Amino acid sequence: MNDERLIPPTMLYRFAMPCRKVTAKWSAKTGIKLDESFRIPSLGSLDGIRPFAELRAGWSPEGMFFQLDINQKQQSIWCRETQLIESDGLQIWLDTRDTQSVHRATRYCHWFLFLPSGGGSKRESAIGTMLRINRAKDDPKSLNQVKPKVIAKTKHNGYTMTMHIPKMALDGWNPEEHPKIGFNYAVIDRELGNQTLAVGTEFPISEDPSLWQTIELVS
């Protein structure tokens, strides 16, 4: 009997998950610490995919905060400023209007990319940037106007990153009136593979907001 499924289980449902409010302030030296209660589940486990990375997320009126931890690497991190999308790191998509019925991004849709290294003359600096979404109806007014912040620490078996996306980088950011945010992520790793929130990179998750899920900003 063939156990191959034409449609992965994560394609059959829309998922929503809480995202807790952060009371701590961002530090230019250490970033921010998010405890276990901020963890975002890896829904890919429903498709039989074992996660290798842990992502945590929080919010405040000042924007979004993320923390990524990877501990299973045996090979060196591969990051290149000239090959951002192919590099080891984290990609995040946010829609401040959580529009689930469109297949092309609106001005409220954002694509951020974070690398633990690859920047600077020695390729040792972490990188945080915003990318243009392919086929978008409109680009966010904030496109490349405000740099997201990232602090990374490499270790023998992986790396950690803490990240802050300021509210000025998020068109339409208004947690009180719009507490539901379209959300998706992909951890890219040449050694360990790709880990996504739900459906994988074989689907057009980088440009189709209908494939994203929902986070609800709660206190």
N, C-alpha and C. Protein backbone atom coordinates (compact mmCIF):
# COMPACT_ATOMS: atom_id res chain seq x y z
N MET A 1 0.84 -1.19 0.00
CA MET A 1 0.00 0.00 0.00
C MET A 1 0.87 1.24 0.00
N ASN A 2 0.58 2.19 -0.88
CA ASN A 2 1.37 3.41 -1.02
C ASN A 2 0.89 4.44 -0.01
N ASP A 3 1.83 4.88 0.86
CA ASP A 3 1.47 5.83 1.91
C ASP A 3 1.68 7.28 1.49
N GLU A 4 2.08 7.49 0.22
CA GLU A 4 2.33 8.85 -0.25
C GLU A 4 1.00 9.60 -0.35
N ARG A 5 1.02 10.85 0.13
CA ARG A 5 -0.18 11.67 0.11
C ARG A 5 0.00 12.81 -0.87
N LEU A 6 -0.98 12.99 -1.74
CA LEU A 6 -0.89 14.06 -2.72
C LEU A 6 -1.00 15.43 -2.06
N ILE A 7 -1.79 15.51 -0.99
CA ILE A 7 -1.98 16.78 -0.28
C ILE A 7 -1.54 16.59 1.17
N PRO A 8 -0.55 17.36 1.64
CA PRO A 8 -0.13 17.22 3.03
C PRO A 8 -1.23 17.69 3.97
N PRO A 9 -1.33 17.10 5.17
CA PRO A 9 -2.38 17.48 6.13
C PRO A 9 -2.40 18.98 6.43
N THR A 10 -1.23 19.63 6.43
CA THR A 10 -1.18 21.06 6.76
C THR A 10 -1.83 21.93 5.69
N MET A 11 -2.11 21.35 4.51
CA MET A 11 -2.80 22.11 3.46
C MET A 11 -4.31 22.13 3.69
N LEU A 12 -4.80 21.24 4.54
CA LEU A 12 -6.24 21.07 4.69
C LEU A 12 -6.86 22.00 5.71
N TYR A 13 -6.02 22.67 6.51
CA TYR A 13 -6.55 23.49 7.61
C TYR A 13 -5.82 24.83 7.67
N ARG A 14 -6.50 25.78 8.31
CA ARG A 14 -5.87 27.04 8.69
C ARG A 14 -5.62 26.97 10.19
N PHE A 15 -4.43 27.34 10.61
CA PHE A 15 -4.07 27.26 12.01
C PHE A 15 -3.92 28.66 12.61
N ALA A 16 -4.34 28.80 13.86
CA ALA A 16 -4.15 30.04 14.60
C ALA A 16 -3.52 29.71 15.94
N MET A 17 -2.60 30.55 16.38
CA MET A 17 -1.89 30.29 17.63
C MET A 17 -1.66 31.61 18.35
N PRO A 18 -1.64 31.60 19.69
CA PRO A 18 -1.44 32.84 20.43
C PRO A 18 0.01 33.29 20.37
N CYS A 19 0.19 34.60 20.41
CA CYS A 19 1.52 35.21 20.48
C CYS A 19 1.48 36.20 21.65
N ARG A 20 2.26 35.93 22.69
CA ARG A 20 2.17 36.68 23.94
C ARG A 20 2.89 38.03 23.87
N LYS A 21 2.41 38.92 24.71
CA LYS A 21 2.99 40.26 24.79
C LYS A 21 4.30 40.22 25.57
N VAL A 22 5.28 40.98 25.09
CA VAL A 22 6.59 41.07 25.72
C VAL A 22 6.64 42.34 26.57
N THR A 23 7.07 42.20 27.81
CA THR A 23 7.19 43.36 28.69
C THR A 23 8.64 43.86 28.78
N ALA A 24 9.60 42.99 28.49
CA ALA A 24 11.01 43.38 28.54
C ALA A 24 11.35 44.30 27.36
N LYS A 25 12.41 45.05 27.51
CA LYS A 25 12.86 45.97 26.47
C LYS A 25 14.01 45.34 25.68
N TRP A 26 14.10 45.70 24.41
CA TRP A 26 15.18 45.23 23.56
C TRP A 26 16.50 45.86 23.99
N SER A 27 17.53 45.04 24.10
CA SER A 27 18.87 45.52 24.44
C SER A 27 19.77 45.47 23.21
N ALA A 28 20.49 46.53 22.96
CA ALA A 28 21.38 46.58 21.81
C ALA A 28 22.51 45.56 21.92
N LYS A 29 22.81 45.10 23.14
CA LYS A 29 23.90 44.15 23.34
C LYS A 29 23.43 42.70 23.38
N THR A 30 22.30 42.46 24.03
CA THR A 30 21.86 41.08 24.24
C THR A 30 20.52 40.76 23.58
N GLY A 31 19.86 41.74 22.99
CA GLY A 31 18.57 41.50 22.36
C GLY A 31 17.47 41.36 23.39
N ILE A 32 16.76 40.23 23.36
CA ILE A 32 15.67 40.01 24.30
C ILE A 32 15.57 38.50 24.56
N LYS A 33 15.14 38.14 25.74
CA LYS A 33 15.02 36.73 26.11
C LYS A 33 13.55 36.35 26.19
N LEU A 34 13.16 35.33 25.39
CA LEU A 34 11.79 34.84 25.39
C LEU A 34 11.79 33.43 25.98
N ASP A 35 10.95 33.21 27.00
CA ASP A 35 10.94 31.89 27.64
C ASP A 35 10.06 30.90 26.87
N GLU A 36 9.89 29.71 27.42
CA GLU A 36 9.20 28.63 26.75
C GLU A 36 7.76 28.98 26.38
N SER A 37 7.13 29.87 27.13
CA SER A 37 5.73 30.22 26.87
C SER A 37 5.56 30.98 25.55
N PHE A 38 6.66 31.42 24.94
CA PHE A 38 6.60 32.15 23.67
C PHE A 38 6.86 31.23 22.47
N ARG A 39 7.01 29.94 22.71
CA ARG A 39 7.40 29.03 21.63
C ARG A 39 6.29 28.90 20.59
N ILE A 40 6.70 28.91 19.32
CA ILE A 40 5.79 28.69 18.20
C ILE A 40 5.88 27.22 17.79
N PRO A 41 4.77 26.51 17.71
CA PRO A 41 4.85 25.08 17.35
C PRO A 41 5.26 24.90 15.90
N SER A 42 5.90 23.77 15.62
CA SER A 42 6.22 23.40 14.25
C SER A 42 5.11 22.50 13.74
N LEU A 43 4.21 23.05 12.95
CA LEU A 43 3.06 22.29 12.48
C LEU A 43 3.45 21.24 11.44
N GLY A 44 4.68 21.34 10.93
CA GLY A 44 5.15 20.35 9.97
C GLY A 44 5.19 18.96 10.54
N SER A 45 5.17 18.84 11.88
CA SER A 45 5.15 17.51 12.50
C SER A 45 3.89 16.75 12.12
N LEU A 46 2.83 17.47 11.74
CA LEU A 46 1.61 16.81 11.27
C LEU A 46 1.85 16.08 9.95
N ASP A 47 2.87 16.53 9.21
CA ASP A 47 3.24 15.88 7.96
C ASP A 47 4.38 14.88 8.16
N GLY A 48 4.68 14.58 9.43
CA GLY A 48 5.74 13.62 9.72
C GLY A 48 7.14 14.19 9.65
N ILE A 49 7.27 15.53 9.70
CA ILE A 49 8.58 16.18 9.62
C ILE A 49 9.06 16.49 11.03
N ARG A 50 10.26 16.04 11.36
CA ARG A 50 10.81 16.26 12.69
C ARG A 50 11.53 17.61 12.74
N PRO A 51 11.14 18.50 13.63
CA PRO A 51 11.77 19.83 13.68
C PRO A 51 13.19 19.76 14.23
N PHE A 52 14.05 20.63 13.72
CA PHE A 52 15.42 20.74 14.21
C PHE A 52 15.69 22.12 14.81
N ALA A 53 14.75 23.03 14.69
CA ALA A 53 14.92 24.39 15.20
C ALA A 53 13.74 24.74 16.09
N GLU A 54 14.00 25.62 17.06
CA GLU A 54 12.92 26.13 17.92
C GLU A 54 12.80 27.63 17.73
N LEU A 55 11.59 28.06 17.41
CA LEU A 55 11.33 29.49 17.21
C LEU A 55 10.36 29.97 18.28
N ARG A 56 10.68 31.11 18.87
CA ARG A 56 9.79 31.76 19.82
C ARG A 56 9.45 33.16 19.30
N ALA A 57 8.24 33.62 19.60
CA ALA A 57 7.78 34.91 19.09
C ALA A 57 6.99 35.65 20.15
N GLY A 58 7.16 36.96 20.18
CA GLY A 58 6.40 37.82 21.07
C GLY A 58 6.17 39.17 20.41
N TRP A 59 5.34 39.98 21.03
CA TRP A 59 5.03 41.28 20.46
C TRP A 59 4.93 42.33 21.56
N SER A 60 5.02 43.58 21.16
CA SER A 60 4.74 44.73 22.02
C SER A 60 4.27 45.85 21.10
N PRO A 61 3.80 46.97 21.64
CA PRO A 61 3.43 48.07 20.76
C PRO A 61 4.58 48.53 19.86
N GLU A 62 5.81 48.16 20.23
CA GLU A 62 6.99 48.57 19.46
C GLU A 62 7.31 47.63 18.30
N GLY A 63 6.56 46.52 18.16
CA GLY A 63 6.80 45.63 17.04
C GLY A 63 6.86 44.17 17.46
N MET A 64 7.50 43.35 16.63
CA MET A 64 7.58 41.90 16.84
C MET A 64 8.99 41.51 17.29
N PHE A 65 9.05 40.42 18.08
CA PHE A 65 10.32 39.90 18.57
C PHE A 65 10.37 38.39 18.31
N PHE A 66 11.54 37.90 17.93
CA PHE A 66 11.71 36.48 17.65
C PHE A 66 13.01 35.98 18.24
N GLN A 67 13.03 34.69 18.54
CA GLN A 67 14.22 34.03 19.06
C GLN A 67 14.33 32.65 18.42
N LEU A 68 15.45 32.38 17.76
CA LEU A 68 15.67 31.11 17.06
C LEU A 68 16.85 30.39 17.69
N ASP A 69 16.68 29.07 17.88
CA ASP A 69 17.74 28.26 18.49
C ASP A 69 17.90 26.98 17.68
N ILE A 70 19.14 26.71 17.24
CA ILE A 70 19.46 25.49 16.50
C ILE A 70 20.64 24.81 17.18
N ASN A 71 20.49 23.50 17.50
CA ASN A 71 21.49 22.79 18.29
C ASN A 71 21.95 21.47 17.67
N GLN A 72 21.59 21.19 16.43
CA GLN A 72 21.87 19.87 15.88
C GLN A 72 22.89 19.86 14.74
N LYS A 73 23.56 20.97 14.52
CA LYS A 73 24.48 21.03 13.39
C LYS A 73 25.82 20.35 13.69
N GLN A 74 26.38 19.72 12.67
CA GLN A 74 27.72 19.18 12.74
C GLN A 74 28.66 19.88 11.75
N GLN A 75 28.05 20.56 10.78
CA GLN A 75 28.83 21.29 9.79
C GLN A 75 28.80 22.78 10.09
N SER A 76 29.69 23.52 9.46
CA SER A 76 29.77 24.96 9.66
C SER A 76 28.55 25.65 9.05
N ILE A 77 28.19 26.79 9.61
CA ILE A 77 27.11 27.61 9.06
C ILE A 77 27.55 28.17 7.71
N TRP A 78 26.61 28.18 6.75
CA TRP A 78 26.91 28.71 5.42
C TRP A 78 26.03 29.94 5.17
N CYS A 79 26.64 31.12 5.18
CA CYS A 79 25.91 32.38 4.97
C CYS A 79 26.70 33.27 4.03
N ARG A 80 26.01 33.84 3.04
CA ARG A 80 26.63 34.75 2.08
C ARG A 80 25.72 35.95 1.87
N GLU A 81 26.27 37.14 2.01
CA GLU A 81 25.48 38.36 1.80
C GLU A 81 25.02 38.49 0.36
N THR A 82 25.74 37.85 -0.57
CA THR A 82 25.38 37.90 -1.98
C THR A 82 24.39 36.80 -2.37
N GLN A 83 24.11 35.86 -1.45
CA GLN A 83 23.16 34.77 -1.70
C GLN A 83 22.26 34.61 -0.48
N LEU A 84 21.49 35.64 -0.22
CA LEU A 84 20.70 35.70 1.01
C LEU A 84 19.71 34.55 1.12
N ILE A 85 18.93 34.31 0.08
CA ILE A 85 17.85 33.33 0.16
C ILE A 85 18.39 31.91 0.29
N GLU A 86 19.57 31.64 -0.28
CA GLU A 86 20.15 30.30 -0.23
C GLU A 86 20.94 30.06 1.05
N SER A 87 21.16 31.09 1.86
CA SER A 87 21.99 30.98 3.06
C SER A 87 21.25 30.34 4.22
N ASP A 88 22.03 29.80 5.17
CA ASP A 88 21.45 29.30 6.41
C ASP A 88 20.87 30.47 7.19
N GLY A 89 19.64 30.33 7.65
CA GLY A 89 19.04 31.42 8.41
C GLY A 89 17.53 31.28 8.52
N LEU A 90 16.89 32.37 8.86
CA LEU A 90 15.45 32.40 9.12
C LEU A 90 14.77 33.40 8.21
N GLN A 91 13.67 32.98 7.59
CA GLN A 91 12.82 33.87 6.81
C GLN A 91 11.45 33.96 7.48
N ILE A 92 10.93 35.17 7.59
CA ILE A 92 9.65 35.41 8.27
C ILE A 92 8.75 36.23 7.37
N TRP A 93 7.47 35.83 7.31
CA TRP A 93 6.46 36.59 6.57
C TRP A 93 5.38 37.05 7.54
N LEU A 94 4.98 38.31 7.44
CA LEU A 94 3.95 38.89 8.31
C LEU A 94 2.97 39.69 7.48
N ASP A 95 1.69 39.48 7.73
CA ASP A 95 0.62 40.24 7.09
C ASP A 95 -0.19 40.92 8.19
N THR A 96 -0.06 42.23 8.31
CA THR A 96 -0.70 42.94 9.42
C THR A 96 -2.22 43.04 9.26
N ARG A 97 -2.76 42.50 8.19
CA ARG A 97 -4.21 42.44 8.02
C ARG A 97 -4.73 41.00 7.95
N ASP A 98 -3.83 40.02 8.01
CA ASP A 98 -4.21 38.61 8.00
C ASP A 98 -5.24 38.31 6.92
N THR A 99 -4.96 38.76 5.69
CA THR A 99 -5.86 38.51 4.57
C THR A 99 -5.60 37.11 4.04
N GLN A 100 -6.52 36.20 4.28
CA GLN A 100 -6.30 34.79 3.96
C GLN A 100 -6.86 34.38 2.60
N SER A 101 -7.57 35.28 1.95
CA SER A 101 -8.29 34.89 0.73
C SER A 101 -7.61 35.36 -0.55
N VAL A 102 -6.42 35.93 -0.46
CA VAL A 102 -5.73 36.42 -1.65
C VAL A 102 -4.47 35.59 -1.89
N HIS A 103 -4.09 35.48 -3.15
CA HIS A 103 -2.90 34.71 -3.52
C HIS A 103 -1.72 35.61 -3.89
N ARG A 104 -1.95 36.91 -3.90
CA ARG A 104 -0.86 37.86 -4.16
C ARG A 104 -0.76 38.83 -2.98
N ALA A 105 0.46 39.10 -2.57
CA ALA A 105 0.69 39.93 -1.39
C ALA A 105 0.18 41.36 -1.59
N THR A 106 -0.29 41.95 -0.51
CA THR A 106 -0.71 43.36 -0.49
C THR A 106 0.37 44.20 0.19
N ARG A 107 0.12 45.47 0.34
CA ARG A 107 1.09 46.36 0.98
C ARG A 107 1.27 46.04 2.45
N TYR A 108 0.37 45.24 3.01
CA TYR A 108 0.47 44.88 4.42
C TYR A 108 1.27 43.59 4.64
N CYS A 109 1.76 43.01 3.56
CA CYS A 109 2.54 41.78 3.63
C CYS A 109 4.04 42.09 3.59
N HIS A 110 4.79 41.44 4.46
CA HIS A 110 6.22 41.72 4.61
C HIS A 110 7.02 40.43 4.64
N TRP A 111 8.23 40.51 4.08
CA TRP A 111 9.14 39.36 4.04
C TRP A 111 10.47 39.81 4.64
N PHE A 112 10.84 39.18 5.76
CA PHE A 112 12.10 39.52 6.44
C PHE A 112 13.03 38.31 6.42
N LEU A 113 14.32 38.60 6.37
CA LEU A 113 15.33 37.55 6.34
C LEU A 113 16.43 37.87 7.35
N PHE A 114 16.84 36.83 8.09
CA PHE A 114 17.88 36.99 9.12
C PHE A 114 18.93 35.89 8.95
N LEU A 115 20.20 36.28 8.97
CA LEU A 115 21.30 35.33 8.89
C LEU A 115 22.19 35.51 10.12
N PRO A 116 22.71 34.40 10.68
CA PRO A 116 23.56 34.51 11.86
C PRO A 116 24.96 35.04 11.55
N SER A 117 25.35 35.03 10.30
CA SER A 117 26.66 35.55 9.88
C SER A 117 26.58 35.87 8.39
N GLY A 118 27.73 36.20 7.79
CA GLY A 118 27.76 36.48 6.36
C GLY A 118 27.95 37.94 6.03
N GLY A 119 27.74 38.84 7.00
CA GLY A 119 27.89 40.26 6.75
C GLY A 119 29.28 40.78 7.11
N GLY A 120 29.61 41.95 6.59
CA GLY A 120 30.91 42.55 6.90
C GLY A 120 32.03 41.98 6.06
N SER A 121 33.20 42.58 6.18
CA SER A 121 34.34 42.18 5.37
C SER A 121 34.82 40.77 5.67
N LYS A 122 34.58 40.28 6.90
CA LYS A 122 35.02 38.94 7.29
C LYS A 122 33.86 37.94 7.34
N ARG A 123 32.68 38.36 6.88
CA ARG A 123 31.48 37.50 6.86
C ARG A 123 31.11 36.99 8.25
N GLU A 124 31.37 37.79 9.27
CA GLU A 124 31.09 37.36 10.64
C GLU A 124 29.89 38.07 11.26
N SER A 125 29.39 39.12 10.62
CA SER A 125 28.30 39.90 11.19
C SER A 125 26.94 39.32 10.82
N ALA A 126 26.01 39.35 11.78
CA ALA A 126 24.64 38.92 11.50
C ALA A 126 23.98 39.90 10.53
N ILE A 127 23.00 39.41 9.80
CA ILE A 127 22.31 40.21 8.79
C ILE A 127 20.81 40.18 9.04
N GLY A 128 20.18 41.32 8.98
CA GLY A 128 18.73 41.43 9.03
C GLY A 128 18.27 42.36 7.93
N THR A 129 17.33 41.93 7.10
CA THR A 129 16.89 42.76 5.99
C THR A 129 15.46 42.43 5.62
N MET A 130 14.87 43.26 4.78
CA MET A 130 13.51 43.06 4.28
C MET A 130 13.60 42.87 2.77
N LEU A 131 12.86 41.91 2.24
CA LEU A 131 12.90 41.58 0.83
C LEU A 131 11.57 41.92 0.15
N ARG A 132 11.65 42.17 -1.15
CA ARG A 132 10.44 42.42 -1.93
C ARG A 132 9.77 41.09 -2.27
N ILE A 133 8.46 41.01 -2.06
CA ILE A 133 7.70 39.79 -2.35
C ILE A 133 7.36 39.74 -3.83
N ASN A 134 7.68 38.63 -4.46
CA ASN A 134 7.42 38.44 -5.88
C ASN A 134 5.91 38.50 -6.17
N ARG A 135 5.54 39.14 -7.23
CA ARG A 135 4.16 39.23 -7.73
C ARG A 135 3.24 40.02 -6.79
N ALA A 136 3.78 40.76 -5.84
CA ALA A 136 2.93 41.52 -4.91
C ALA A 136 2.14 42.59 -5.65
N LYS A 137 0.89 42.79 -5.21
CA LYS A 137 0.07 43.86 -5.79
C LYS A 137 0.66 45.22 -5.47
N ASP A 138 1.14 45.36 -4.24
CA ASP A 138 1.79 46.60 -3.80
C ASP A 138 2.89 46.24 -2.81
N ASP A 139 3.95 47.04 -2.80
CA ASP A 139 5.01 46.88 -1.81
C ASP A 139 4.67 47.69 -0.56
N PRO A 140 5.10 47.22 0.61
CA PRO A 140 4.92 48.03 1.82
C PRO A 140 5.68 49.35 1.67
N LYS A 141 5.10 50.42 2.20
CA LYS A 141 5.79 51.71 2.17
C LYS A 141 7.08 51.65 2.97
N SER A 142 7.13 50.70 3.90
CA SER A 142 8.30 50.58 4.77
C SER A 142 9.43 49.75 4.15
N LEU A 143 9.25 49.30 2.90
CA LEU A 143 10.24 48.42 2.27
C LEU A 143 11.63 49.06 2.32
N ASN A 144 12.53 48.41 3.07
CA ASN A 144 13.92 48.85 3.21
C ASN A 144 14.08 50.26 3.77
N GLN A 145 13.04 50.75 4.44
CA GLN A 145 13.15 52.05 5.10
C GLN A 145 13.67 51.92 6.52
N VAL A 146 13.34 50.79 7.17
CA VAL A 146 13.76 50.55 8.55
C VAL A 146 14.37 49.16 8.62
N LYS A 147 15.59 49.05 9.13
CA LYS A 147 16.27 47.77 9.22
C LYS A 147 15.80 46.99 10.44
N PRO A 148 15.43 45.71 10.27
CA PRO A 148 15.17 44.88 11.44
C PRO A 148 16.47 44.64 12.19
N LYS A 149 16.36 44.37 13.49
CA LYS A 149 17.54 44.20 14.33
C LYS A 149 17.78 42.72 14.61
N VAL A 150 19.04 42.34 14.69
CA VAL A 150 19.37 40.93 14.95
C VAL A 150 20.68 40.84 15.71
N ILE A 151 20.70 39.95 16.69
CA ILE A 151 21.91 39.62 17.45
C ILE A 151 22.07 38.11 17.39
N ALA A 152 23.23 37.64 16.96
CA ALA A 152 23.46 36.21 16.77
C ALA A 152 24.65 35.74 17.59
N LYS A 153 24.59 34.49 17.97
CA LYS A 153 25.69 33.85 18.68
C LYS A 153 25.86 32.45 18.12
N THR A 154 27.03 32.17 17.56
CA THR A 154 27.30 30.85 17.02
C THR A 154 27.90 29.96 18.10
N LYS A 155 27.70 28.64 17.93
CA LYS A 155 28.23 27.66 18.87
C LYS A 155 28.64 26.42 18.09
N HIS A 156 29.21 25.45 18.76
CA HIS A 156 29.79 24.32 18.06
C HIS A 156 28.75 23.48 17.33
N ASN A 157 27.50 23.50 17.80
CA ASN A 157 26.46 22.68 17.17
C ASN A 157 25.31 23.50 16.60
N GLY A 158 25.55 24.77 16.33
CA GLY A 158 24.49 25.59 15.75
C GLY A 158 24.64 27.06 16.06
N TYR A 159 23.51 27.72 16.34
CA TYR A 159 23.54 29.15 16.62
C TYR A 159 22.22 29.57 17.24
N THR A 160 22.23 30.75 17.83
CA THR A 160 21.01 31.39 18.31
C THR A 160 20.92 32.78 17.69
N MET A 161 19.70 33.23 17.46
CA MET A 161 19.47 34.59 17.01
C MET A 161 18.29 35.18 17.77
N THR A 162 18.42 36.42 18.19
CA THR A 162 17.28 37.17 18.70
C THR A 162 17.06 38.33 17.74
N MET A 163 15.79 38.60 17.42
CA MET A 163 15.47 39.55 16.37
C MET A 163 14.33 40.47 16.78
N HIS A 164 14.39 41.70 16.30
CA HIS A 164 13.34 42.68 16.56
C HIS A 164 12.96 43.36 15.25
N ILE A 165 11.68 43.27 14.91
CA ILE A 165 11.15 43.98 13.75
C ILE A 165 10.39 45.19 14.27
N PRO A 166 10.95 46.39 14.16
CA PRO A 166 10.30 47.59 14.71
C PRO A 166 8.96 47.87 14.03
N LYS A 167 8.08 48.53 14.75
CA LYS A 167 6.75 48.82 14.21
C LYS A 167 6.82 49.67 12.95
N MET A 168 7.87 50.51 12.83
CA MET A 168 8.00 51.35 11.65
C MET A 168 8.33 50.53 10.40
N ALA A 169 8.73 49.27 10.57
CA ALA A 169 9.00 48.40 9.43
C ALA A 169 7.76 47.60 9.02
N LEU A 170 6.65 47.78 9.77
CA LEU A 170 5.44 47.00 9.53
C LEU A 170 4.29 47.91 9.13
N ASP A 171 4.00 47.99 7.84
CA ASP A 171 2.87 48.78 7.38
C ASP A 171 1.58 48.25 8.00
N GLY A 172 0.77 49.14 8.56
CA GLY A 172 -0.51 48.74 9.12
C GLY A 172 -0.43 48.18 10.53
N TRP A 173 0.72 48.31 11.19
CA TRP A 173 0.86 47.76 12.54
C TRP A 173 -0.05 48.49 13.52
N ASN A 174 -1.04 47.79 14.03
CA ASN A 174 -1.99 48.37 14.98
C ASN A 174 -2.58 47.23 15.81
N PRO A 175 -1.85 46.77 16.84
CA PRO A 175 -2.28 45.60 17.62
C PRO A 175 -3.66 45.72 18.24
N GLU A 176 -4.09 46.93 18.59
CA GLU A 176 -5.40 47.09 19.21
C GLU A 176 -6.53 46.84 18.22
N GLU A 177 -6.42 47.36 17.02
CA GLU A 177 -7.48 47.21 16.03
C GLU A 177 -7.33 45.96 15.18
N HIS A 178 -6.10 45.49 15.03
CA HIS A 178 -5.85 44.32 14.19
C HIS A 178 -4.93 43.35 14.92
N PRO A 179 -5.47 42.62 15.91
CA PRO A 179 -4.63 41.71 16.70
C PRO A 179 -4.33 40.38 16.01
N LYS A 180 -4.96 40.12 14.87
CA LYS A 180 -4.66 38.89 14.13
C LYS A 180 -3.70 39.22 12.99
N ILE A 181 -2.58 38.47 12.95
CA ILE A 181 -1.52 38.74 12.00
C ILE A 181 -1.26 37.48 11.18
N GLY A 182 -1.24 37.62 9.85
CA GLY A 182 -0.83 36.51 9.01
C GLY A 182 0.65 36.24 9.25
N PHE A 183 1.02 34.95 9.36
CA PHE A 183 2.37 34.62 9.78
C PHE A 183 2.86 33.33 9.13
N ASN A 184 4.11 33.35 8.73
CA ASN A 184 4.74 32.14 8.24
C ASN A 184 6.25 32.26 8.47
N TYR A 185 6.92 31.13 8.56
CA TYR A 185 8.38 31.18 8.68
C TYR A 185 9.00 29.98 7.98
N ALA A 186 10.27 30.12 7.65
CA ALA A 186 11.06 29.01 7.10
C ALA A 186 12.48 29.13 7.63
N VAL A 187 12.96 28.06 8.26
CA VAL A 187 14.36 27.97 8.65
C VAL A 187 15.07 27.21 7.54
N ILE A 188 16.08 27.83 6.95
CA ILE A 188 16.81 27.24 5.84
C ILE A 188 18.18 26.78 6.35
N ASP A 189 18.54 25.54 6.07
CA ASP A 189 19.83 25.03 6.52
C ASP A 189 20.35 24.01 5.50
N ARG A 190 21.52 24.25 4.98
CA ARG A 190 22.08 23.38 3.94
C ARG A 190 22.36 21.97 4.46
N GLU A 191 22.63 21.85 5.74
CA GLU A 191 22.92 20.54 6.32
C GLU A 191 21.66 19.83 6.79
N LEU A 192 20.81 20.54 7.52
CA LEU A 192 19.66 19.92 8.18
C LEU A 192 18.39 19.96 7.35
N GLY A 193 18.35 20.79 6.31
CA GLY A 193 17.16 20.89 5.47
C GLY A 193 16.36 22.15 5.78
N ASN A 194 15.09 22.13 5.45
CA ASN A 194 14.21 23.27 5.67
C ASN A 194 13.13 22.92 6.69
N GLN A 195 12.87 23.84 7.59
CA GLN A 195 11.78 23.67 8.55
C GLN A 195 10.83 24.85 8.38
N THR A 196 9.55 24.56 8.16
CA THR A 196 8.56 25.61 7.96
C THR A 196 7.46 25.51 9.01
N LEU A 197 6.66 26.55 9.09
CA LEU A 197 5.56 26.55 10.05
C LEU A 197 4.54 25.48 9.70
N ALA A 198 4.17 25.40 8.43
CA ALA A 198 3.15 24.42 8.00
C ALA A 198 3.61 23.80 6.68
N VAL A 199 3.00 24.20 5.56
CA VAL A 199 3.39 23.60 4.28
C VAL A 199 4.83 24.00 3.95
N GLY A 200 5.49 23.17 3.15
CA GLY A 200 6.91 23.35 2.89
C GLY A 200 7.23 24.28 1.74
N THR A 201 8.52 24.40 1.47
CA THR A 201 9.00 25.31 0.43
C THR A 201 8.73 24.80 -0.97
N GLU A 202 8.17 23.59 -1.11
CA GLU A 202 7.75 23.12 -2.42
C GLU A 202 6.50 23.87 -2.89
N PHE A 203 5.83 24.56 -1.97
CA PHE A 203 4.71 25.43 -2.29
C PHE A 203 5.17 26.89 -2.30
N PRO A 204 4.47 27.78 -2.98
CA PRO A 204 4.92 29.18 -3.11
C PRO A 204 4.66 30.01 -1.85
N ILE A 205 5.21 29.55 -0.72
CA ILE A 205 4.93 30.23 0.55
C ILE A 205 5.55 31.62 0.63
N SER A 206 6.54 31.90 -0.20
CA SER A 206 7.19 33.21 -0.13
C SER A 206 6.37 34.31 -0.78
N GLU A 207 5.33 33.94 -1.54
CA GLU A 207 4.57 34.97 -2.25
C GLU A 207 3.06 34.83 -2.14
N ASP A 208 2.57 33.73 -1.57
CA ASP A 208 1.12 33.49 -1.51
C ASP A 208 0.64 33.55 -0.06
N PRO A 209 0.01 34.67 0.37
CA PRO A 209 -0.44 34.82 1.76
C PRO A 209 -1.51 33.81 2.17
N SER A 210 -2.20 33.19 1.21
CA SER A 210 -3.23 32.21 1.57
C SER A 210 -2.62 30.95 2.17
N LEU A 211 -1.29 30.77 2.02
CA LEU A 211 -0.60 29.62 2.58
C LEU A 211 -0.02 29.91 3.97
N TRP A 212 -0.19 31.15 4.44
CA TRP A 212 0.32 31.51 5.75
C TRP A 212 -0.72 31.16 6.81
N GLN A 213 -0.29 31.17 8.07
CA GLN A 213 -1.18 30.88 9.17
C GLN A 213 -1.49 32.19 9.93
N THR A 214 -2.02 32.06 11.15
CA THR A 214 -2.41 33.25 11.92
C THR A 214 -1.82 33.20 13.32
N ILE A 215 -1.28 34.31 13.75
CA ILE A 215 -0.94 34.48 15.17
C ILE A 215 -1.85 35.56 15.75
N GLU A 216 -2.32 35.31 16.96
CA GLU A 216 -3.21 36.25 17.64
C GLU A 216 -2.44 36.93 18.75
N LEU A 217 -2.34 38.25 18.66
CA LEU A 217 -1.58 39.01 19.67
C LEU A 217 -2.39 39.11 20.94
N VAL A 218 -1.91 38.43 21.98
CA VAL A 218 -2.63 38.40 23.27
C VAL A 218 -1.72 38.97 24.36
N SER A 219 -2.33 39.38 25.45
CA SER A 219 -1.57 39.95 26.56
C SER A 219 -0.92 38.85 27.40
